[in-house]
Amino acid sequence: MVNYLVYVSQARKGLGTADLEAILSKSRSYNPLHDISGMLLFAGGRDGGRGSFMQLLEGDRGAIDTLRATIFADPRHHTKIVIEEGEKPERDFADWSMAFQNATAESLAGYPAFADMGSDHFHARCQAGEAHRSLEFLKDFWATEPREDGR
């Protein structure tokens, strides 16, 4: 069994490509040292608004809790909400210290429960506990949507 946690957050206004690259670089160096794997999904803001993150972390509960405290203290995002956590039989992203995918409005349209990711309404639903099946969404999105790495 492996522990996991899925959270969402809102990016600070003005978060850019360099910020995303820095986040991924740090994740990809830190996570293997602590036996953590996972996926980061970023949905750009709509109509010039801030974007949103959804991240899955997989690993030992203590390592995830330590990383979560660091992530939640990061000023590059706010309104951090854990929407799912628990145990599962195996890792879904075992080969990735941190997989990454940009999500567009078009790519999210096929996932009605998550189509408004990046909006204030989506975060309000997350705070109300209405973002169900986020783990399944991330796995399906990763498996079916074209990625920048060409896979």
N, C-alpha and C. Protein backbone atom coordinates (compact mmCIF):
# COMPACT_ATOMS: atom_id res chain seq x y z
N MET A 1 0.84 -1.19 0.00
CA MET A 1 0.00 0.00 0.00
C MET A 1 0.88 1.25 0.00
N VAL A 2 0.38 2.27 -0.66
CA VAL A 2 1.08 3.55 -0.73
C VAL A 2 0.09 4.65 -0.37
N ASN A 3 0.56 5.65 0.34
CA ASN A 3 -0.28 6.80 0.69
C ASN A 3 -0.30 7.79 -0.46
N TYR A 4 -1.38 8.53 -0.53
CA TYR A 4 -1.48 9.56 -1.56
C TYR A 4 -2.27 10.75 -1.04
N LEU A 5 -2.09 11.87 -1.71
CA LEU A 5 -2.78 13.10 -1.39
C LEU A 5 -2.99 13.86 -2.69
N VAL A 6 -4.20 14.39 -2.88
CA VAL A 6 -4.49 15.26 -4.02
C VAL A 6 -4.98 16.58 -3.45
N TYR A 7 -4.36 17.67 -3.92
CA TYR A 7 -4.81 19.00 -3.50
C TYR A 7 -4.95 19.90 -4.71
N VAL A 8 -5.67 20.97 -4.53
CA VAL A 8 -5.78 22.03 -5.53
C VAL A 8 -5.36 23.34 -4.87
N SER A 9 -4.93 24.27 -5.71
CA SER A 9 -4.60 25.61 -5.23
C SER A 9 -4.73 26.58 -6.38
N GLN A 10 -4.77 27.85 -6.04
CA GLN A 10 -4.84 28.89 -7.05
C GLN A 10 -3.46 29.55 -7.16
N ALA A 11 -2.98 29.67 -8.40
CA ALA A 11 -1.70 30.32 -8.64
C ALA A 11 -1.83 31.81 -8.35
N ARG A 12 -0.74 32.39 -7.89
CA ARG A 12 -0.75 33.83 -7.71
C ARG A 12 -0.80 34.49 -9.09
N LYS A 13 -1.37 35.65 -9.14
CA LYS A 13 -1.42 36.39 -10.42
C LYS A 13 -0.01 36.62 -10.91
N GLY A 14 0.16 36.46 -12.21
CA GLY A 14 1.47 36.70 -12.81
C GLY A 14 2.40 35.51 -12.81
N LEU A 15 1.96 34.37 -12.30
CA LEU A 15 2.80 33.17 -12.31
C LEU A 15 3.07 32.81 -13.77
N GLY A 16 4.34 32.62 -14.10
CA GLY A 16 4.69 32.38 -15.49
C GLY A 16 5.43 31.08 -15.70
N THR A 17 5.88 30.90 -16.93
CA THR A 17 6.59 29.69 -17.33
C THR A 17 7.83 29.45 -16.49
N ALA A 18 8.59 30.49 -16.19
CA ALA A 18 9.80 30.34 -15.37
C ALA A 18 9.45 29.82 -13.98
N ASP A 19 8.34 30.28 -13.43
CA ASP A 19 7.90 29.79 -12.12
C ASP A 19 7.55 28.31 -12.18
N LEU A 20 6.81 27.91 -13.22
CA LEU A 20 6.45 26.50 -13.38
C LEU A 20 7.70 25.64 -13.54
N GLU A 21 8.66 26.11 -14.32
CA GLU A 21 9.90 25.36 -14.51
C GLU A 21 10.66 25.22 -13.20
N ALA A 22 10.67 26.27 -12.38
CA ALA A 22 11.35 26.21 -11.09
C ALA A 22 10.66 25.22 -10.15
N ILE A 23 9.35 25.22 -10.15
CA ILE A 23 8.59 24.28 -9.32
C ILE A 23 8.91 22.84 -9.73
N LEU A 24 8.89 22.59 -11.03
CA LEU A 24 9.16 21.24 -11.52
C LEU A 24 10.60 20.82 -11.25
N SER A 25 11.54 21.71 -11.43
CA SER A 25 12.94 21.39 -11.17
C SER A 25 13.15 21.01 -9.71
N LYS A 26 12.59 21.79 -8.81
CA LYS A 26 12.70 21.50 -7.37
C LYS A 26 12.03 20.16 -7.04
N SER A 27 10.84 19.94 -7.58
CA SER A 27 10.12 18.68 -7.33
C SER A 27 10.92 17.49 -7.82
N ARG A 28 11.47 17.62 -9.01
CA ARG A 28 12.16 16.49 -9.64
C ARG A 28 13.51 16.20 -9.00
N SER A 29 14.06 17.13 -8.23
CA SER A 29 15.27 16.84 -7.48
C SER A 29 14.96 16.38 -6.05
N TYR A 30 13.94 16.95 -5.42
CA TYR A 30 13.58 16.61 -4.04
C TYR A 30 12.88 15.26 -3.94
N ASN A 31 11.90 15.03 -4.78
CA ASN A 31 11.03 13.86 -4.64
C ASN A 31 11.76 12.52 -4.67
N PRO A 32 12.69 12.27 -5.60
CA PRO A 32 13.36 10.96 -5.60
C PRO A 32 14.14 10.69 -4.31
N LEU A 33 14.65 11.74 -3.71
CA LEU A 33 15.41 11.58 -2.46
C LEU A 33 14.51 11.16 -1.30
N HIS A 34 13.21 11.38 -1.44
CA HIS A 34 12.25 11.08 -0.38
C HIS A 34 11.21 10.06 -0.81
N ASP A 35 11.49 9.35 -1.90
CA ASP A 35 10.63 8.29 -2.43
C ASP A 35 9.19 8.78 -2.66
N ILE A 36 9.10 9.96 -3.26
CA ILE A 36 7.80 10.55 -3.60
C ILE A 36 7.68 10.59 -5.11
N SER A 37 6.50 10.25 -5.59
CA SER A 37 6.19 10.36 -7.02
C SER A 37 4.88 11.12 -7.14
N GLY A 38 4.49 11.45 -8.38
CA GLY A 38 3.22 12.13 -8.54
C GLY A 38 3.08 12.87 -9.84
N MET A 39 2.07 13.72 -9.86
CA MET A 39 1.73 14.48 -11.06
C MET A 39 1.26 15.87 -10.67
N LEU A 40 1.65 16.86 -11.47
CA LEU A 40 1.21 18.23 -11.31
C LEU A 40 0.47 18.65 -12.57
N LEU A 41 -0.73 19.12 -12.40
CA LEU A 41 -1.55 19.62 -13.50
C LEU A 41 -1.72 21.11 -13.29
N PHE A 42 -1.51 21.89 -14.36
CA PHE A 42 -1.70 23.32 -14.28
C PHE A 42 -2.72 23.75 -15.32
N ALA A 43 -3.73 24.46 -14.87
CA ALA A 43 -4.75 25.02 -15.77
C ALA A 43 -4.61 26.52 -15.73
N GLY A 44 -4.28 27.11 -16.86
CA GLY A 44 -4.13 28.55 -16.93
C GLY A 44 -5.42 29.27 -16.60
N GLY A 45 -5.30 30.48 -16.11
CA GLY A 45 -6.47 31.27 -15.74
C GLY A 45 -7.29 31.67 -16.95
N ARG A 46 -8.53 31.85 -16.73
CA ARG A 46 -9.45 32.25 -17.80
C ARG A 46 -9.63 33.75 -17.79
N ASP A 47 -9.72 34.32 -18.97
CA ASP A 47 -9.93 35.76 -19.12
C ASP A 47 -8.89 36.56 -18.35
N GLY A 48 -7.63 36.10 -18.39
CA GLY A 48 -6.55 36.82 -17.73
C GLY A 48 -6.45 36.59 -16.24
N GLY A 49 -7.28 35.71 -15.70
CA GLY A 49 -7.24 35.43 -14.27
C GLY A 49 -6.10 34.50 -13.90
N ARG A 50 -5.95 34.27 -12.63
CA ARG A 50 -4.89 33.37 -12.16
C ARG A 50 -5.22 31.94 -12.54
N GLY A 51 -4.22 31.10 -12.61
CA GLY A 51 -4.41 29.70 -12.93
C GLY A 51 -4.60 28.86 -11.68
N SER A 52 -4.73 27.56 -11.89
CA SER A 52 -4.92 26.62 -10.79
C SER A 52 -4.00 25.43 -10.93
N PHE A 53 -3.63 24.88 -9.80
CA PHE A 53 -2.87 23.64 -9.74
C PHE A 53 -3.74 22.53 -9.18
N MET A 54 -3.50 21.33 -9.65
CA MET A 54 -3.99 20.12 -9.00
C MET A 54 -2.78 19.19 -8.96
N GLN A 55 -2.47 18.68 -7.78
CA GLN A 55 -1.28 17.84 -7.65
C GLN A 55 -1.60 16.58 -6.87
N LEU A 56 -1.01 15.49 -7.36
CA LEU A 56 -1.05 14.19 -6.69
C LEU A 56 0.35 13.91 -6.15
N LEU A 57 0.43 13.56 -4.88
CA LEU A 57 1.67 13.10 -4.27
C LEU A 57 1.47 11.67 -3.82
N GLU A 58 2.45 10.81 -4.08
CA GLU A 58 2.40 9.40 -3.69
C GLU A 58 3.66 9.07 -2.90
N GLY A 59 3.51 8.32 -1.82
CA GLY A 59 4.68 7.91 -1.04
C GLY A 59 4.31 7.57 0.39
N ASP A 60 5.31 7.61 1.24
CA ASP A 60 5.14 7.37 2.67
C ASP A 60 4.38 8.55 3.29
N ARG A 61 3.48 8.27 4.22
CA ARG A 61 2.65 9.31 4.84
C ARG A 61 3.51 10.43 5.43
N GLY A 62 4.56 10.07 6.16
CA GLY A 62 5.40 11.09 6.78
C GLY A 62 6.09 11.97 5.75
N ALA A 63 6.59 11.37 4.68
CA ALA A 63 7.25 12.14 3.62
C ALA A 63 6.26 13.06 2.92
N ILE A 64 5.05 12.58 2.69
CA ILE A 64 4.02 13.42 2.06
C ILE A 64 3.65 14.57 2.98
N ASP A 65 3.48 14.30 4.28
CA ASP A 65 3.11 15.36 5.21
C ASP A 65 4.18 16.45 5.29
N THR A 66 5.45 16.03 5.28
CA THR A 66 6.55 17.00 5.31
C THR A 66 6.55 17.85 4.05
N LEU A 67 6.40 17.21 2.90
CA LEU A 67 6.37 17.94 1.63
C LEU A 67 5.14 18.85 1.55
N ARG A 68 4.03 18.34 2.01
CA ARG A 68 2.80 19.16 2.00
C ARG A 68 2.99 20.46 2.77
N ALA A 69 3.63 20.40 3.93
CA ALA A 69 3.87 21.62 4.72
C ALA A 69 4.72 22.61 3.93
N THR A 70 5.72 22.12 3.22
CA THR A 70 6.57 22.99 2.41
C THR A 70 5.79 23.59 1.25
N ILE A 71 5.04 22.75 0.55
CA ILE A 71 4.24 23.21 -0.59
C ILE A 71 3.21 24.24 -0.15
N PHE A 72 2.53 23.98 0.95
CA PHE A 72 1.47 24.87 1.40
C PHE A 72 2.01 26.21 1.91
N ALA A 73 3.32 26.27 2.21
CA ALA A 73 3.94 27.54 2.63
C ALA A 73 4.45 28.35 1.45
N ASP A 74 4.41 27.80 0.26
CA ASP A 74 4.94 28.45 -0.95
C ASP A 74 4.03 29.61 -1.36
N PRO A 75 4.57 30.83 -1.47
CA PRO A 75 3.74 31.99 -1.81
C PRO A 75 3.35 32.07 -3.28
N ARG A 76 3.80 31.14 -4.11
CA ARG A 76 3.42 31.18 -5.53
C ARG A 76 2.00 30.71 -5.77
N HIS A 77 1.35 30.22 -4.70
CA HIS A 77 -0.05 29.81 -4.83
C HIS A 77 -0.76 29.98 -3.49
N HIS A 78 -2.07 29.97 -3.53
CA HIS A 78 -2.88 30.19 -2.32
C HIS A 78 -4.16 29.37 -2.44
N THR A 79 -5.02 29.47 -1.45
CA THR A 79 -6.28 28.73 -1.39
C THR A 79 -6.01 27.25 -1.64
N LYS A 80 -5.14 26.69 -0.79
CA LYS A 80 -4.71 25.29 -0.92
C LYS A 80 -5.72 24.40 -0.20
N ILE A 81 -6.28 23.44 -0.95
CA ILE A 81 -7.35 22.59 -0.42
C ILE A 81 -7.03 21.12 -0.71
N VAL A 82 -6.92 20.31 0.33
CA VAL A 82 -6.79 18.86 0.13
C VAL A 82 -8.16 18.34 -0.25
N ILE A 83 -8.26 17.69 -1.41
CA ILE A 83 -9.56 17.20 -1.86
C ILE A 83 -9.66 15.68 -1.80
N GLU A 84 -8.53 15.00 -1.64
CA GLU A 84 -8.58 13.55 -1.53
C GLU A 84 -7.26 13.08 -0.92
N GLU A 85 -7.34 12.08 -0.05
CA GLU A 85 -6.14 11.45 0.48
C GLU A 85 -6.50 10.08 1.01
N GLY A 86 -5.50 9.23 1.12
CA GLY A 86 -5.73 7.89 1.62
C GLY A 86 -4.63 6.94 1.22
N GLU A 87 -5.00 5.68 1.10
CA GLU A 87 -4.08 4.63 0.69
C GLU A 87 -4.61 3.98 -0.58
N LYS A 88 -3.69 3.51 -1.39
CA LYS A 88 -4.06 2.77 -2.59
C LYS A 88 -3.05 1.65 -2.78
N PRO A 89 -3.40 0.63 -3.57
CA PRO A 89 -2.54 -0.55 -3.68
C PRO A 89 -1.15 -0.28 -4.25
N GLU A 90 -1.06 0.65 -5.20
CA GLU A 90 0.24 0.92 -5.83
C GLU A 90 0.28 2.34 -6.36
N ARG A 91 1.46 2.77 -6.74
CA ARG A 91 1.65 4.10 -7.31
C ARG A 91 1.11 4.13 -8.74
N ASP A 92 0.54 5.24 -9.10
CA ASP A 92 0.09 5.44 -10.47
C ASP A 92 1.15 6.16 -11.30
N PHE A 93 2.07 6.84 -10.64
CA PHE A 93 3.12 7.60 -11.33
C PHE A 93 4.50 7.19 -10.82
N ALA A 94 4.69 5.89 -10.66
CA ALA A 94 5.93 5.36 -10.08
C ALA A 94 7.17 5.78 -10.87
N ASP A 95 7.03 5.97 -12.17
CA ASP A 95 8.18 6.32 -13.01
C ASP A 95 8.43 7.82 -13.07
N TRP A 96 7.66 8.60 -12.34
CA TRP A 96 7.76 10.05 -12.42
C TRP A 96 8.02 10.66 -11.04
N SER A 97 9.14 11.37 -10.90
CA SER A 97 9.35 12.13 -9.67
C SER A 97 8.31 13.26 -9.61
N MET A 98 7.94 13.77 -10.78
CA MET A 98 6.81 14.70 -10.88
C MET A 98 6.45 14.84 -12.35
N ALA A 99 5.42 14.13 -12.76
CA ALA A 99 4.88 14.28 -14.10
C ALA A 99 4.22 15.65 -14.17
N PHE A 100 4.15 16.23 -15.36
CA PHE A 100 3.55 17.55 -15.50
C PHE A 100 2.70 17.60 -16.76
N GLN A 101 1.58 18.28 -16.64
CA GLN A 101 0.71 18.49 -17.79
C GLN A 101 0.03 19.84 -17.68
N ASN A 102 0.07 20.60 -18.77
CA ASN A 102 -0.73 21.83 -18.89
C ASN A 102 -2.12 21.42 -19.33
N ALA A 103 -3.13 22.02 -18.74
CA ALA A 103 -4.51 21.74 -19.13
C ALA A 103 -5.11 23.01 -19.72
N THR A 104 -5.69 22.88 -20.87
CA THR A 104 -6.38 24.00 -21.50
C THR A 104 -7.89 23.84 -21.27
N ALA A 105 -8.62 24.88 -21.52
CA ALA A 105 -10.08 24.80 -21.41
C ALA A 105 -10.60 23.72 -22.34
N GLU A 106 -10.00 23.61 -23.52
CA GLU A 106 -10.44 22.60 -24.49
C GLU A 106 -10.17 21.18 -23.97
N SER A 107 -8.99 20.96 -23.38
CA SER A 107 -8.67 19.62 -22.89
C SER A 107 -9.50 19.24 -21.67
N LEU A 108 -9.91 20.22 -20.89
CA LEU A 108 -10.73 19.94 -19.71
C LEU A 108 -12.21 19.76 -20.05
N ALA A 109 -12.62 20.20 -21.22
CA ALA A 109 -14.03 20.15 -21.60
C ALA A 109 -14.59 18.73 -21.56
N GLY A 110 -13.75 17.73 -21.80
CA GLY A 110 -14.21 16.35 -21.77
C GLY A 110 -14.38 15.78 -20.38
N TYR A 111 -14.12 16.57 -19.36
CA TYR A 111 -14.22 16.14 -17.96
C TYR A 111 -15.14 17.10 -17.23
N PRO A 112 -16.45 16.93 -17.35
CA PRO A 112 -17.40 17.92 -16.83
C PRO A 112 -17.19 18.32 -15.37
N ALA A 113 -16.80 17.39 -14.52
CA ALA A 113 -16.61 17.73 -13.10
C ALA A 113 -15.39 18.61 -12.87
N PHE A 114 -14.49 18.67 -13.86
CA PHE A 114 -13.26 19.44 -13.71
C PHE A 114 -13.09 20.48 -14.81
N ALA A 115 -14.10 20.65 -15.66
CA ALA A 115 -14.01 21.56 -16.80
C ALA A 115 -13.80 23.01 -16.38
N ASP A 116 -14.26 23.37 -15.17
CA ASP A 116 -14.10 24.75 -14.73
C ASP A 116 -12.88 24.95 -13.84
N MET A 117 -11.94 23.98 -13.86
CA MET A 117 -10.71 24.13 -13.10
C MET A 117 -10.04 25.43 -13.54
N GLY A 118 -9.57 26.19 -12.61
CA GLY A 118 -8.99 27.49 -12.91
C GLY A 118 -9.94 28.63 -12.59
N SER A 119 -11.16 28.28 -12.23
CA SER A 119 -12.14 29.32 -11.90
C SER A 119 -12.37 29.39 -10.39
N ASP A 120 -12.85 30.51 -9.93
CA ASP A 120 -13.19 30.66 -8.52
C ASP A 120 -14.30 29.68 -8.13
N HIS A 121 -15.23 29.43 -9.06
CA HIS A 121 -16.33 28.50 -8.80
C HIS A 121 -15.78 27.10 -8.50
N PHE A 122 -14.77 26.66 -9.26
CA PHE A 122 -14.18 25.35 -9.03
C PHE A 122 -13.60 25.26 -7.62
N HIS A 123 -12.89 26.30 -7.20
CA HIS A 123 -12.29 26.27 -5.86
C HIS A 123 -13.35 26.31 -4.77
N ALA A 124 -14.44 27.00 -5.02
CA ALA A 124 -15.54 27.00 -4.06
C ALA A 124 -16.13 25.59 -3.93
N ARG A 125 -16.25 24.89 -5.06
CA ARG A 125 -16.75 23.50 -5.00
C ARG A 125 -15.77 22.60 -4.25
N CYS A 126 -14.48 22.82 -4.44
CA CYS A 126 -13.47 22.02 -3.73
C CYS A 126 -13.57 22.26 -2.22
N GLN A 127 -13.71 23.52 -1.84
CA GLN A 127 -13.84 23.85 -0.41
C GLN A 127 -15.10 23.23 0.19
N ALA A 128 -16.12 23.06 -0.62
CA ALA A 128 -17.38 22.47 -0.14
C ALA A 128 -17.34 20.94 -0.19
N GLY A 129 -16.20 20.37 -0.60
CA GLY A 129 -16.08 18.91 -0.66
C GLY A 129 -16.77 18.30 -1.86
N GLU A 130 -16.90 19.05 -2.94
CA GLU A 130 -17.64 18.58 -4.11
C GLU A 130 -16.75 18.20 -5.30
N ALA A 131 -15.47 18.02 -5.07
CA ALA A 131 -14.54 17.63 -6.16
C ALA A 131 -14.23 16.14 -5.99
N HIS A 132 -15.15 15.32 -6.43
CA HIS A 132 -15.02 13.88 -6.25
C HIS A 132 -14.23 13.26 -7.39
N ARG A 133 -13.57 12.15 -7.09
CA ARG A 133 -12.86 11.34 -8.08
C ARG A 133 -11.68 12.06 -8.73
N SER A 134 -11.00 12.88 -7.95
CA SER A 134 -9.86 13.63 -8.50
C SER A 134 -8.71 12.70 -8.89
N LEU A 135 -8.48 11.65 -8.14
CA LEU A 135 -7.41 10.71 -8.48
C LEU A 135 -7.70 10.06 -9.83
N GLU A 136 -8.92 9.61 -10.04
CA GLU A 136 -9.29 9.00 -11.31
C GLU A 136 -9.18 10.01 -12.46
N PHE A 137 -9.58 11.24 -12.19
CA PHE A 137 -9.47 12.29 -13.20
C PHE A 137 -8.01 12.48 -13.62
N LEU A 138 -7.10 12.62 -12.66
CA LEU A 138 -5.69 12.83 -12.99
C LEU A 138 -5.11 11.67 -13.79
N LYS A 139 -5.42 10.46 -13.39
CA LYS A 139 -4.90 9.29 -14.11
C LYS A 139 -5.45 9.26 -15.54
N ASP A 140 -6.74 9.52 -15.70
CA ASP A 140 -7.35 9.49 -17.02
C ASP A 140 -6.83 10.62 -17.89
N PHE A 141 -6.71 11.81 -17.32
CA PHE A 141 -6.21 12.96 -18.07
C PHE A 141 -4.80 12.67 -18.57
N TRP A 142 -3.97 12.12 -17.71
CA TRP A 142 -2.58 11.81 -18.08
C TRP A 142 -2.54 10.76 -19.19
N ALA A 143 -3.41 9.78 -19.10
CA ALA A 143 -3.39 8.68 -20.06
C ALA A 143 -3.95 9.06 -21.42
N THR A 144 -4.86 10.03 -21.47
CA THR A 144 -5.56 10.30 -22.73
C THR A 144 -5.21 11.62 -23.42
N GLU A 145 -4.75 12.60 -22.68
CA GLU A 145 -4.49 13.90 -23.29
C GLU A 145 -3.07 13.98 -23.85
N PRO A 146 -2.91 14.57 -25.03
CA PRO A 146 -1.55 14.75 -25.58
C PRO A 146 -0.71 15.59 -24.62
N ARG A 147 0.55 15.23 -24.52
CA ARG A 147 1.45 15.95 -23.62
C ARG A 147 2.56 16.62 -24.41
N GLU A 148 3.18 17.57 -23.76
CA GLU A 148 4.27 18.30 -24.40
C GLU A 148 5.46 17.40 -24.72
N ASP A 149 5.60 16.28 -23.98
CA ASP A 149 6.72 15.37 -24.25
C ASP A 149 6.42 14.45 -25.43
N GLY A 150 5.23 14.65 -26.06
CA GLY A 150 4.88 13.89 -27.26
C GLY A 150 4.24 12.54 -27.01
N ARG A 151 4.09 12.13 -25.76
CA ARG A 151 3.49 10.83 -25.46
C ARG A 151 1.99 10.93 -25.35
